[in-house]
Amino acid sequence: MKIIMVLFLSIAVALTGCAQSNTTQAPADTTPIGGNNLLRIGTFNIQIFGSTKASRPNTLTVLAKIASTYDVLAIEEVGSNGSSATEATCISVMDTYVARINQIVGSDTYAYIRGYQYAIVYRKAEFQLVDSGLYSGSQSFTYQPLTAYFRSTSGNFDFAMLCIHTSPSKAISEIPSLKTAMSEVSTQYSEPDVICLGDFNADGSYYTEGTGTDLSGFSSSSYITVIPNTADTTVAASSNTYDRIELSSSMATDYTSAWGVIQVGQVYDVTQCEGTTTTTGTESAISDHYPVWAEFYTNKDTD
């Protein structure tokens, strides 16, 4: 079993919690979200986050608590995992989801953008959404990525974002294509700092992740691999690092080196969640993936 370093994090938001793991073995951060010049950004494949899951109140509440520990959260599989997802379904699901998050943390705290099967939930007091849209560059992906450009409301932190869910059967070709896509998004937004995150399917039988901590193909001279190959981001008994956060090397001064995998069943009571595969309740009601995150400074951006 791969090693995930886990420290529990106390978040100053009612009814929330998550676990922190990091590359520096620093003490657990107890600063509220958006405090002390720090922000948390991450990704979560919620596993076919459609009308059925959104209609389950206990499951939706846990999902909302998870989102409330982030300043920006990219989500995959909204509405459906394929092109059959309709705009109406996706909008309805995300409206319901964000309303529940705001019910927990305070009215009108979070907003979202979405496109295709993706959504990005963000804390409005911490970020200004400058622009967003579906990726329209030269690379071909089964699930067309969502891009965005954010600027922090305090400090000088800004970045472009590319949210991706690769097709498992095409991960071997789609993962390398992300490097070109990141470069094109950087050019599109005239922003050198790019965060590429999502369900890469970057392990197991889908992709050879490499023998070190960095994801194969993403050289440490040009990229920062936040979620290392040693992490386990899936609920299954097998250990796989499917969910990733890759940064352009220009973000070295922005990234605090703190990263995490939220092992949902160890942090939240999921026993009452509807849709579980056992009578006692398991993480399967939430997703077959764990949420992952990285922490950034708001005041150390040099470009």
C-alpha atoms as a PDB file:
ATOM      1  CA  MET A   1       0.000   0.000   0.000  1.00  0.00           C
ATOM      2  CA  LYS A   2       1.335   3.383  -0.936  1.00  0.00           C
ATOM      3  CA  ILE A   3       2.078   5.797   1.892  1.00  0.00           C
ATOM      4  CA  ILE A   4      -0.087   8.859   2.410  1.00  0.00           C
ATOM      5  CA  MET A   5       1.178  11.166   5.144  1.00  0.00           C
ATOM      6  CA  VAL A   6      -1.914  12.228   7.089  1.00  0.00           C
ATOM      7  CA  LEU A   7      -2.330  15.001   9.638  1.00  0.00           C
ATOM      8  CA  PHE A   8      -5.776  16.160  10.734  1.00  0.00           C
ATOM      9  CA  LEU A   9      -6.694  19.704   9.936  1.00  0.00           C
ATOM     10  CA  SER A  10      -8.992  21.885  12.010  1.00  0.00           C
ATOM     11  CA  ILE A  11     -10.937  24.301   9.820  1.00  0.00           C
ATOM     12  CA  ALA A  12     -12.753  27.245  11.369  1.00  0.00           C
ATOM     13  CA  VAL A  13     -15.948  26.506   9.513  1.00  0.00           C
ATOM     14  CA  ALA A  14     -18.833  24.807  11.279  1.00  0.00           C
ATOM     15  CA  LEU A  15     -19.376  21.156  10.533  1.00  0.00           C
ATOM     16  CA  THR A  16     -16.309  20.804   8.307  1.00  0.00           C
ATOM     17  CA  GLY A  17     -13.028  18.954   8.409  1.00  0.00           C
ATOM     18  CA  CYS A  18     -10.322  17.401   6.287  1.00  0.00           C
ATOM     19  CA  ALA A  19      -6.990  15.689   6.586  1.00  0.00           C
ATOM     20  CA  GLN A  20      -3.678  17.272   5.670  1.00  0.00           C
ATOM     21  CA  SER A  21      -0.644  15.554   4.295  1.00  0.00           C
ATOM     22  CA  ASN A  22       2.373  17.400   3.034  1.00  0.00           C
ATOM     23  CA  THR A  23       5.867  17.083   1.705  1.00  0.00           C
ATOM     24  CA  THR A  24       7.545  19.040   4.483  1.00  0.00           C
ATOM     25  CA  GLN A  25       6.162  17.376   7.625  1.00  0.00           C
ATOM     26  CA  ALA A  26       5.063  20.810   8.842  1.00  0.00           C
ATOM     27  CA  PRO A  27       2.647  21.032  11.789  1.00  0.00           C
ATOM     28  CA  ALA A  28      -1.058  20.842  10.991  1.00  0.00           C
ATOM     29  CA  ASP A  29      -2.350  24.171   9.723  1.00  0.00           C
ATOM     30  CA  THR A  30      -5.247  25.431  11.834  1.00  0.00           C
ATOM     31  CA  THR A  31      -5.667  28.732   9.990  1.00  0.00           C
ATOM     32  CA  PRO A  32      -9.163  29.303   8.568  1.00  0.00           C
ATOM     33  CA  ILE A  33      -9.547  29.191   4.810  1.00  0.00           C
ATOM     34  CA  GLY A  34      -8.348  32.434   3.274  1.00  0.00           C
ATOM     35  CA  GLY A  35      -6.361  33.381   6.397  1.00  0.00           C
ATOM     36  CA  ASN A  36      -2.674  34.052   6.936  1.00  0.00           C
ATOM     37  CA  ASN A  37      -2.088  34.673   3.219  1.00  0.00           C
ATOM     38  CA  LEU A  38      -2.883  31.038   2.374  1.00  0.00           C
ATOM     39  CA  LEU A  39      -5.364  29.462  -0.038  1.00  0.00           C
ATOM     40  CA  ARG A  40      -6.337  25.854  -0.735  1.00  0.00           C
ATOM     41  CA  ILE A  41      -6.994  24.644  -4.275  1.00  0.00           C
ATOM     42  CA  GLY A  42      -7.832  21.097  -5.300  1.00  0.00           C
ATOM     43  CA  THR A  43      -9.808  18.611  -7.311  1.00  0.00           C
ATOM     44  CA  PHE A  44     -12.416  15.919  -6.708  1.00  0.00           C
ATOM     45  CA  ASN A  45     -13.945  13.354  -9.054  1.00  0.00           C
ATOM     46  CA  ILE A  46     -17.382  12.993  -7.440  1.00  0.00           C
ATOM     47  CA  GLN A  47     -18.230   9.961  -9.611  1.00  0.00           C
ATOM     48  CA  ILE A  48     -21.273  10.589 -11.786  1.00  0.00           C
ATOM     49  CA  PHE A  49     -22.503  13.554  -9.782  1.00  0.00           C
ATOM     50  CA  GLY A  50     -26.000  13.619 -11.174  1.00  0.00           C
ATOM     51  CA  SER A  51     -29.584  14.176 -10.085  1.00  0.00           C
ATOM     52  CA  THR A  52     -29.712  10.962  -8.054  1.00  0.00           C
ATOM     53  CA  LYS A  53     -26.705  11.772  -5.897  1.00  0.00           C
ATOM     54  CA  ALA A  54     -27.721  15.420  -5.559  1.00  0.00           C
ATOM     55  CA  SER A  55     -31.156  14.335  -4.259  1.00  0.00           C
ATOM     56  CA  ARG A  56     -29.669  12.357  -1.338  1.00  0.00           C
ATOM     57  CA  PRO A  57     -29.570  14.855   1.564  1.00  0.00           C
ATOM     58  CA  ASN A  58     -26.989  13.172   3.798  1.00  0.00           C
ATOM     59  CA  THR A  59     -24.656  12.389   0.915  1.00  0.00           C
ATOM     60  CA  LEU A  60     -25.015  15.927  -0.439  1.00  0.00           C
ATOM     61  CA  THR A  61     -24.220  17.355   2.987  1.00  0.00           C
ATOM     62  CA  VAL A  62     -20.925  15.467   3.222  1.00  0.00           C
ATOM     63  CA  LEU A  63     -20.029  16.551  -0.295  1.00  0.00           C
ATOM     64  CA  ALA A  64     -20.823  20.150   0.676  1.00  0.00           C
ATOM     65  CA  LYS A  65     -18.678  19.932   3.808  1.00  0.00           C
ATOM     66  CA  ILE A  66     -15.769  18.743   1.703  1.00  0.00           C
ATOM     67  CA  ALA A  67     -16.119  21.673  -0.711  1.00  0.00           C
ATOM     68  CA  SER A  68     -16.317  24.147   2.164  1.00  0.00           C
ATOM     69  CA  THR A  69     -12.694  23.346   3.106  1.00  0.00           C
ATOM     70  CA  TYR A  70     -11.466  24.668  -0.262  1.00  0.00           C
ATOM     71  CA  ASP A  71     -11.047  28.113  -1.750  1.00  0.00           C
ATOM     72  CA  VAL A  72     -11.185  26.617  -5.253  1.00  0.00           C
ATOM     73  CA  LEU A  73     -12.368  23.077  -6.011  1.00  0.00           C
ATOM     74  CA  ALA A  74     -12.389  21.576  -9.516  1.00  0.00           C
ATOM     75  CA  ILE A  75     -14.937  18.787  -9.941  1.00  0.00           C
ATOM     76  CA  GLU A  76     -15.178  16.033 -12.526  1.00  0.00           C
ATOM     77  CA  GLU A  77     -18.138  13.902 -13.663  1.00  0.00           C
ATOM     78  CA  VAL A  78     -20.827  16.521 -13.134  1.00  0.00           C
ATOM     79  CA  GLY A  79     -24.123  15.272 -14.534  1.00  0.00           C
ATOM     80  CA  SER A  80     -22.548  12.383 -16.385  1.00  0.00           C
ATOM     81  CA  ASN A  81     -19.224  11.015 -17.509  1.00  0.00           C
ATOM     82  CA  GLY A  82     -19.938  11.579 -21.162  1.00  0.00           C
ATOM     83  CA  SER A  83     -21.459  13.823 -23.789  1.00  0.00           C
ATOM     84  CA  SER A  84     -24.977  12.669 -22.926  1.00  0.00           C
ATOM     85  CA  ALA A  85     -24.900  15.058 -19.956  1.00  0.00           C
ATOM     86  CA  THR A  86     -27.384  17.833 -20.657  1.00  0.00           C
ATOM     87  CA  GLU A  87     -26.883  21.440 -19.670  1.00  0.00           C
ATOM     88  CA  ALA A  88     -30.108  21.393 -17.675  1.00  0.00           C
ATOM     89  CA  THR A  89     -29.010  18.413 -15.574  1.00  0.00           C
ATOM     90  CA  CYS A  90     -25.551  19.816 -14.898  1.00  0.00           C
ATOM     91  CA  ILE A  91     -26.879  23.249 -13.973  1.00  0.00           C
ATOM     92  CA  SER A  92     -29.533  21.762 -11.684  1.00  0.00           C
ATOM     93  CA  VAL A  93     -26.973  19.554  -9.908  1.00  0.00           C
ATOM     94  CA  MET A  94     -24.511  22.389  -9.380  1.00  0.00           C
ATOM     95  CA  ASP A  95     -27.195  24.846  -8.273  1.00  0.00           C
ATOM     96  CA  THR A  96     -28.309  22.320  -5.662  1.00  0.00           C
ATOM     97  CA  TYR A  97     -24.750  21.605  -4.591  1.00  0.00           C
ATOM     98  CA  VAL A  98     -23.612  25.199  -4.201  1.00  0.00           C
ATOM     99  CA  ALA A  99     -26.836  26.088  -2.380  1.00  0.00           C
ATOM    100  CA  ARG A 100     -26.060  23.360   0.175  1.00  0.00           C
ATOM    101  CA  ILE A 101     -22.471  24.568   0.573  1.00  0.00           C
ATOM    102  CA  ASN A 102     -23.697  28.108   1.151  1.00  0.00           C
ATOM    103  CA  GLN A 103     -26.295  26.871   3.614  1.00  0.00           C
ATOM    104  CA  ILE A 104     -23.475  25.371   5.673  1.00  0.00           C
ATOM    105  CA  VAL A 105     -20.925  28.179   5.500  1.00  0.00           C
ATOM    106  CA  GLY A 106     -23.010  31.281   4.884  1.00  0.00           C
ATOM    107  CA  SER A 107     -25.223  32.728   2.209  1.00  0.00           C
ATOM    108  CA  ASP A 108     -23.633  33.559  -1.145  1.00  0.00           C
ATOM    109  CA  THR A 109     -20.126  32.521  -0.055  1.00  0.00           C
ATOM    110  CA  TYR A 110     -19.422  30.194  -2.998  1.00  0.00           C
ATOM    111  CA  ALA A 111     -20.142  30.404  -6.709  1.00  0.00           C
ATOM    112  CA  TYR A 112     -19.350  28.072  -9.593  1.00  0.00           C
ATOM    113  CA  ILE A 113     -18.576  27.872 -13.267  1.00  0.00           C
ATOM    114  CA  ARG A 114     -19.022  24.795 -15.389  1.00  0.00           C
ATOM    115  CA  GLY A 115     -18.618  23.319 -18.829  1.00  0.00           C
ATOM    116  CA  TYR A 116     -19.142  19.835 -20.220  1.00  0.00           C
ATOM    117  CA  GLN A 117     -18.747  17.372 -17.293  1.00  0.00           C
ATOM    118  CA  TYR A 118     -16.683  19.813 -15.205  1.00  0.00           C
ATOM    119  CA  ALA A 119     -17.365  22.471 -12.613  1.00  0.00           C
ATOM    120  CA  ILE A 120     -15.168  24.756 -10.539  1.00  0.00           C
ATOM    121  CA  VAL A 121     -16.503  25.926  -7.189  1.00  0.00           C
ATOM    122  CA  TYR A 122     -14.782  28.965  -5.717  1.00  0.00           C
ATOM    123  CA  ARG A 123     -14.975  31.199  -2.672  1.00  0.00           C
ATOM    124  CA  LYS A 124     -16.001  34.624  -3.938  1.00  0.00           C
ATOM    125  CA  ALA A 125     -14.398  36.606  -1.123  1.00  0.00           C
ATOM    126  CA  GLU A 126     -11.022  35.100  -1.991  1.00  0.00           C
ATOM    127  CA  PHE A 127     -11.059  34.968  -5.791  1.00  0.00           C
ATOM    128  CA  GLN A 128     -12.131  37.033  -8.756  1.00  0.00           C
ATOM    129  CA  LEU A 129     -13.007  34.966 -11.814  1.00  0.00           C
ATOM    130  CA  VAL A 130     -11.397  36.830 -14.706  1.00  0.00           C
ATOM    131  CA  ASP A 131     -12.357  34.456 -17.515  1.00  0.00           C
ATOM    132  CA  SER A 132     -13.343  30.845 -18.234  1.00  0.00           C
ATOM    133  CA  GLY A 133     -14.366  28.543 -21.072  1.00  0.00           C
ATOM    134  CA  LEU A 134     -13.918  25.135 -22.621  1.00  0.00           C
ATOM    135  CA  TYR A 135     -10.423  24.362 -23.877  1.00  0.00           C
ATOM    136  CA  SER A 136     -10.127  25.111 -27.607  1.00  0.00           C
ATOM    137  CA  GLY A 137      -6.467  24.413 -28.309  1.00  0.00           C
ATOM    138  CA  SER A 138      -4.677  21.989 -30.585  1.00  0.00           C
ATOM    139  CA  GLN A 139      -4.903  18.871 -28.424  1.00  0.00           C
ATOM    140  CA  SER A 140      -7.712  16.329 -28.580  1.00  0.00           C
ATOM    141  CA  PHE A 141      -9.311  15.011 -25.379  1.00  0.00           C
ATOM    142  CA  THR A 142     -12.265  12.677 -24.957  1.00  0.00           C
ATOM    143  CA  TYR A 143     -13.704  14.984 -22.299  1.00  0.00           C
ATOM    144  CA  GLN A 144     -12.991  18.549 -23.414  1.00  0.00           C
ATOM    145  CA  PRO A 145     -11.285  20.321 -20.479  1.00  0.00           C
ATOM    146  CA  LEU A 146     -12.552  23.407 -18.673  1.00  0.00           C
ATOM    147  CA  THR A 147     -10.206  26.374 -18.354  1.00  0.00           C
ATOM    148  CA  ALA A 148     -10.315  29.409 -16.079  1.00  0.00           C
ATOM    149  CA  TYR A 149      -8.272  32.398 -15.017  1.00  0.00           C
ATOM    150  CA  PHE A 150      -8.475  33.470 -11.359  1.00  0.00           C
ATOM    151  CA  ARG A 151      -7.035  36.386  -9.417  1.00  0.00           C
ATOM    152  CA  SER A 152      -6.940  36.483  -5.619  1.00  0.00           C
ATOM    153  CA  THR A 153      -8.763  39.397  -4.021  1.00  0.00           C
ATOM    154  CA  SER A 154      -5.901  39.936  -1.589  1.00  0.00           C
ATOM    155  CA  GLY A 155      -2.202  39.758  -2.333  1.00  0.00           C
ATOM    156  CA  ASN A 156      -0.946  39.314  -5.895  1.00  0.00           C
ATOM    157  CA  PHE A 157      -1.729  35.663  -6.678  1.00  0.00           C
ATOM    158  CA  ASP A 158      -3.196  34.895 -10.094  1.00  0.00           C
ATOM    159  CA  PHE A 159      -3.153  31.761 -12.210  1.00  0.00           C
ATOM    160  CA  ALA A 160      -4.701  29.921 -15.129  1.00  0.00           C
ATOM    161  CA  MET A 161      -6.396  26.576 -14.523  1.00  0.00           C
ATOM    162  CA  LEU A 162      -7.022  23.530 -16.694  1.00  0.00           C
ATOM    163  CA  CYS A 163      -9.452  20.917 -15.333  1.00  0.00           C
ATOM    164  CA  ILE A 164      -9.209  17.482 -16.968  1.00  0.00           C
ATOM    165  CA  HIS A 165     -10.644  13.985 -16.790  1.00  0.00           C
ATOM    166  CA  THR A 166      -8.754  11.748 -19.170  1.00  0.00           C
ATOM    167  CA  SER A 167     -10.375   8.730 -20.745  1.00  0.00           C
ATOM    168  CA  PRO A 168      -8.883   5.640 -19.049  1.00  0.00           C
ATOM    169  CA  SER A 169      -8.393   3.902 -22.386  1.00  0.00           C
ATOM    170  CA  LYS A 170      -6.595   6.959 -23.803  1.00  0.00           C
ATOM    171  CA  ALA A 171      -4.693   8.157 -20.737  1.00  0.00           C
ATOM    172  CA  ILE A 172      -1.400   7.078 -22.266  1.00  0.00           C
ATOM    173  CA  SER A 173      -1.829   9.674 -25.014  1.00  0.00           C
ATOM    174  CA  GLU A 174      -3.992  12.273 -23.282  1.00  0.00           C
ATOM    175  CA  ILE A 175      -1.724  12.778 -20.241  1.00  0.00           C
ATOM    176  CA  PRO A 176       1.313  13.848 -22.326  1.00  0.00           C
ATOM    177  CA  SER A 177      -0.994  16.136 -24.324  1.00  0.00           C
ATOM    178  CA  LEU A 178      -1.729  18.083 -21.157  1.00  0.00           C
ATOM    179  CA  LYS A 179       1.701  19.695 -21.343  1.00  0.00           C
ATOM    180  CA  THR A 180       0.869  21.307 -24.666  1.00  0.00           C
ATOM    181  CA  ALA A 181      -2.586  22.238 -23.390  1.00  0.00           C
ATOM    182  CA  MET A 182      -1.031  23.938 -20.352  1.00  0.00           C
ATOM    183  CA  SER A 183       1.240  25.954 -22.624  1.00  0.00           C
ATOM    184  CA  GLU A 184      -1.687  26.998 -24.802  1.00  0.00           C
ATOM    185  CA  VAL A 185      -3.771  28.015 -21.807  1.00  0.00           C
ATOM    186  CA  SER A 186      -0.818  30.043 -20.540  1.00  0.00           C
ATOM    187  CA  THR A 187      -0.695  31.874 -23.856  1.00  0.00           C
ATOM    188  CA  GLN A 188      -4.470  32.275 -23.995  1.00  0.00           C
ATOM    189  CA  TYR A 189      -4.613  34.061 -20.655  1.00  0.00           C
ATOM    190  CA  SER A 190      -1.158  35.689 -20.886  1.00  0.00           C
ATOM    191  CA  GLU A 191      -0.358  34.012 -17.583  1.00  0.00           C
ATOM    192  CA  PRO A 192       2.752  31.880 -16.946  1.00  0.00           C
ATOM    193  CA  ASP A 193       1.320  30.240 -13.827  1.00  0.00           C
ATOM    194  CA  VAL A 194      -0.858  27.273 -14.802  1.00  0.00           C
ATOM    195  CA  ILE A 195      -2.486  24.655 -12.577  1.00  0.00           C
ATOM    196  CA  CYS A 196      -3.545  21.467 -14.376  1.00  0.00           C
ATOM    197  CA  LEU A 197      -5.644  19.265 -12.148  1.00  0.00           C
ATOM    198  CA  GLY A 198      -8.253  16.538 -12.206  1.00  0.00           C
ATOM    199  CA  ASP A 199      -8.650  12.815 -12.663  1.00  0.00           C
ATOM    200  CA  PHE A 200      -5.663  11.993 -14.849  1.00  0.00           C
ATOM    201  CA  ASN A 201      -6.112   8.196 -14.517  1.00  0.00           C
ATOM    202  CA  ALA A 202      -2.343   8.393 -14.137  1.00  0.00           C
ATOM    203  CA  ASP A 203      -1.595   4.989 -12.632  1.00  0.00           C
ATOM    204  CA  GLY A 204      -2.509   1.310 -12.669  1.00  0.00           C
ATOM    205  CA  SER A 205      -3.110  -0.278 -16.038  1.00  0.00           C
ATOM    206  CA  TYR A 206      -3.891   3.070 -17.649  1.00  0.00           C
ATOM    207  CA  TYR A 207      -0.551   4.868 -17.363  1.00  0.00           C
ATOM    208  CA  THR A 208       2.973   4.137 -16.147  1.00  0.00           C
ATOM    209  CA  GLU A 209       3.413   6.822 -13.513  1.00  0.00           C
ATOM    210  CA  GLY A 210       7.180   6.447 -13.096  1.00  0.00           C
ATOM    211  CA  THR A 211       9.443   5.239 -10.315  1.00  0.00           C
ATOM    212  CA  GLY A 212      10.084   8.523  -8.510  1.00  0.00           C
ATOM    213  CA  THR A 213       7.669  10.950  -6.880  1.00  0.00           C
ATOM    214  CA  ASP A 214       7.133  13.017 -10.048  1.00  0.00           C
ATOM    215  CA  LEU A 215       4.604  11.923 -12.635  1.00  0.00           C
ATOM    216  CA  SER A 216       6.324  10.375 -15.653  1.00  0.00           C
ATOM    217  CA  GLY A 217       6.648  12.879 -18.477  1.00  0.00           C
ATOM    218  CA  PHE A 218       6.414  15.918 -16.190  1.00  0.00           C
ATOM    219  CA  SER A 219      10.040  16.852 -15.631  1.00  0.00           C
ATOM    220  CA  SER A 220      10.810  18.639 -12.374  1.00  0.00           C
ATOM    221  CA  SER A 221      12.654  21.279 -14.392  1.00  0.00           C
ATOM    222  CA  SER A 222       9.407  22.406 -16.034  1.00  0.00           C
ATOM    223  CA  TYR A 223       6.627  21.164 -13.738  1.00  0.00           C
ATOM    224  CA  ILE A 224       5.847  20.654 -10.074  1.00  0.00           C
ATOM    225  CA  THR A 225       4.116  17.363  -9.304  1.00  0.00           C
ATOM    226  CA  VAL A 226       1.996  18.145  -6.236  1.00  0.00           C
ATOM    227  CA  ILE A 227       0.369  14.757  -5.657  1.00  0.00           C
ATOM    228  CA  PRO A 228       3.293  12.285  -5.702  1.00  0.00           C
ATOM    229  CA  ASN A 229       3.264   8.796  -7.114  1.00  0.00           C
ATOM    230  CA  THR A 230       3.321   7.466  -3.548  1.00  0.00           C
ATOM    231  CA  ALA A 231      -0.157   8.832  -2.779  1.00  0.00           C
ATOM    232  CA  ASP A 232      -3.350   6.774  -2.960  1.00  0.00           C
ATOM    233  CA  THR A 233      -6.260   8.834  -4.253  1.00  0.00           C
ATOM    234  CA  THR A 234      -8.827   6.072  -4.702  1.00  0.00           C
ATOM    235  CA  VAL A 235     -11.268   4.400  -2.312  1.00  0.00           C
ATOM    236  CA  ALA A 236     -10.629   0.885  -3.667  1.00  0.00           C
ATOM    237  CA  ALA A 237      -8.365  -1.522  -1.790  1.00  0.00           C
ATOM    238  CA  SER A 238      -5.813  -1.226  -4.568  1.00  0.00           C
ATOM    239  CA  SER A 239      -3.525   1.808  -4.392  1.00  0.00           C
ATOM    240  CA  ASN A 240      -3.563   4.192  -7.353  1.00  0.00           C
ATOM    241  CA  THR A 241      -2.649   7.836  -7.851  1.00  0.00           C
ATOM    242  CA  TYR A 242      -5.282   8.734 -10.413  1.00  0.00           C
ATOM    243  CA  ASP A 243      -5.998  12.274  -9.201  1.00  0.00           C
ATOM    244  CA  ARG A 244      -3.270  14.820  -9.819  1.00  0.00           C
ATOM    245  CA  ILE A 245      -2.249  18.455  -9.561  1.00  0.00           C
ATOM    246  CA  GLU A 246       0.529  19.588 -11.890  1.00  0.00           C
ATOM    247  CA  LEU A 247       1.938  23.118 -11.707  1.00  0.00           C
ATOM    248  CA  SER A 248       4.070  25.067 -14.114  1.00  0.00           C
ATOM    249  CA  SER A 249       7.553  25.546 -12.609  1.00  0.00           C
ATOM    250  CA  SER A 250       6.910  29.296 -12.396  1.00  0.00           C
ATOM    251  CA  MET A 251       4.656  28.582  -9.400  1.00  0.00           C
ATOM    252  CA  ALA A 252       7.524  27.460  -7.172  1.00  0.00           C
ATOM    253  CA  THR A 253       7.263  30.613  -5.071  1.00  0.00           C
ATOM    254  CA  ASP A 254       3.454  30.388  -4.856  1.00  0.00           C
ATOM    255  CA  TYR A 255       3.204  26.753  -3.749  1.00  0.00           C
ATOM    256  CA  THR A 256       3.775  26.196  -0.011  1.00  0.00           C
ATOM    257  CA  SER A 257       4.679  22.485  -0.517  1.00  0.00           C
ATOM    258  CA  ALA A 258       1.643  21.461   1.558  1.00  0.00           C
ATOM    259  CA  TRP A 259      -0.645  18.972  -0.176  1.00  0.00           C
ATOM    260  CA  GLY A 260      -3.304  16.563   0.958  1.00  0.00           C
ATOM    261  CA  VAL A 261      -5.512  13.588   0.223  1.00  0.00           C
ATOM    262  CA  ILE A 262      -8.779  13.664   2.166  1.00  0.00           C
ATOM    263  CA  GLN A 263      -9.593  10.105   3.186  1.00  0.00           C
ATOM    264  CA  VAL A 264     -13.296  10.824   3.437  1.00  0.00           C
ATOM    265  CA  GLY A 265     -14.334   7.910   5.634  1.00  0.00           C
ATOM    266  CA  GLN A 266     -11.735   8.822   8.261  1.00  0.00           C
ATOM    267  CA  VAL A 267     -12.834  12.453   8.438  1.00  0.00           C
ATOM    268  CA  TYR A 268     -16.594  12.436   7.939  1.00  0.00           C
ATOM    269  CA  ASP A 269     -19.392  10.263   9.269  1.00  0.00           C
ATOM    270  CA  VAL A 270     -20.617   8.544   6.117  1.00  0.00           C
ATOM    271  CA  THR A 271     -22.662   5.860   7.851  1.00  0.00           C
ATOM    272  CA  GLN A 272     -25.923   7.676   7.128  1.00  0.00           C
ATOM    273  CA  CYS A 273     -25.120   8.495   3.528  1.00  0.00           C
ATOM    274  CA  GLU A 274     -27.651   7.186   1.068  1.00  0.00           C
ATOM    275  CA  GLY A 275     -26.537   4.994  -1.795  1.00  0.00           C
ATOM    276  CA  THR A 276     -23.878   3.038   0.075  1.00  0.00           C
ATOM    277  CA  THR A 277     -23.010  -0.511  -0.921  1.00  0.00           C
ATOM    278  CA  THR A 278     -23.291  -1.821   2.649  1.00  0.00           C
ATOM    279  CA  THR A 279     -25.844  -1.370   5.396  1.00  0.00           C
ATOM    280  CA  THR A 280     -23.298   0.365   7.645  1.00  0.00           C
ATOM    281  CA  GLY A 281     -22.393   3.043   5.162  1.00  0.00           C
ATOM    282  CA  THR A 282     -19.096   3.490   3.307  1.00  0.00           C
ATOM    283  CA  GLU A 283     -17.205   6.056   1.277  1.00  0.00           C
ATOM    284  CA  SER A 284     -18.771   4.566  -1.856  1.00  0.00           C
ATOM    285  CA  ALA A 285     -21.796   6.816  -1.342  1.00  0.00           C
ATOM    286  CA  ILE A 286     -19.543   9.817  -1.863  1.00  0.00           C
ATOM    287  CA  SER A 287     -17.231   8.710  -4.670  1.00  0.00           C
ATOM    288  CA  ASP A 288     -14.698   6.101  -5.711  1.00  0.00           C
ATOM    289  CA  HIS A 289     -12.058   8.850  -5.566  1.00  0.00           C
ATOM    290  CA  TYR A 290     -10.647  10.940  -2.722  1.00  0.00           C
ATOM    291  CA  PRO A 291     -10.418  14.734  -2.951  1.00  0.00           C
ATOM    292  CA  VAL A 292      -6.874  16.129  -3.176  1.00  0.00           C
ATOM    293  CA  TRP A 293      -5.559  19.631  -2.515  1.00  0.00           C
ATOM    294  CA  ALA A 294      -2.567  21.947  -2.524  1.00  0.00           C
ATOM    295  CA  GLU A 295      -1.855  25.111  -0.583  1.00  0.00           C
ATOM    296  CA  PHE A 296      -0.644  28.418  -2.018  1.00  0.00           C
ATOM    297  CA  TYR A 297       0.544  31.799  -0.801  1.00  0.00           C
ATOM    298  CA  THR A 298      -1.459  34.838  -1.845  1.00  0.00           C
ATOM    299  CA  ASN A 299       1.438  37.275  -1.558  1.00  0.00           C
ATOM    300  CA  LYS A 300       4.475  35.666  -3.188  1.00  0.00           C
ATOM    301  CA  ASP A 301       3.559  35.689  -6.869  1.00  0.00           C
ATOM    302  CA  THR A 302       6.492  37.079  -8.837  1.00  0.00           C
ATOM    303  CA  ASP A 303       4.900  37.103 -12.301  1.00  0.00           C
END
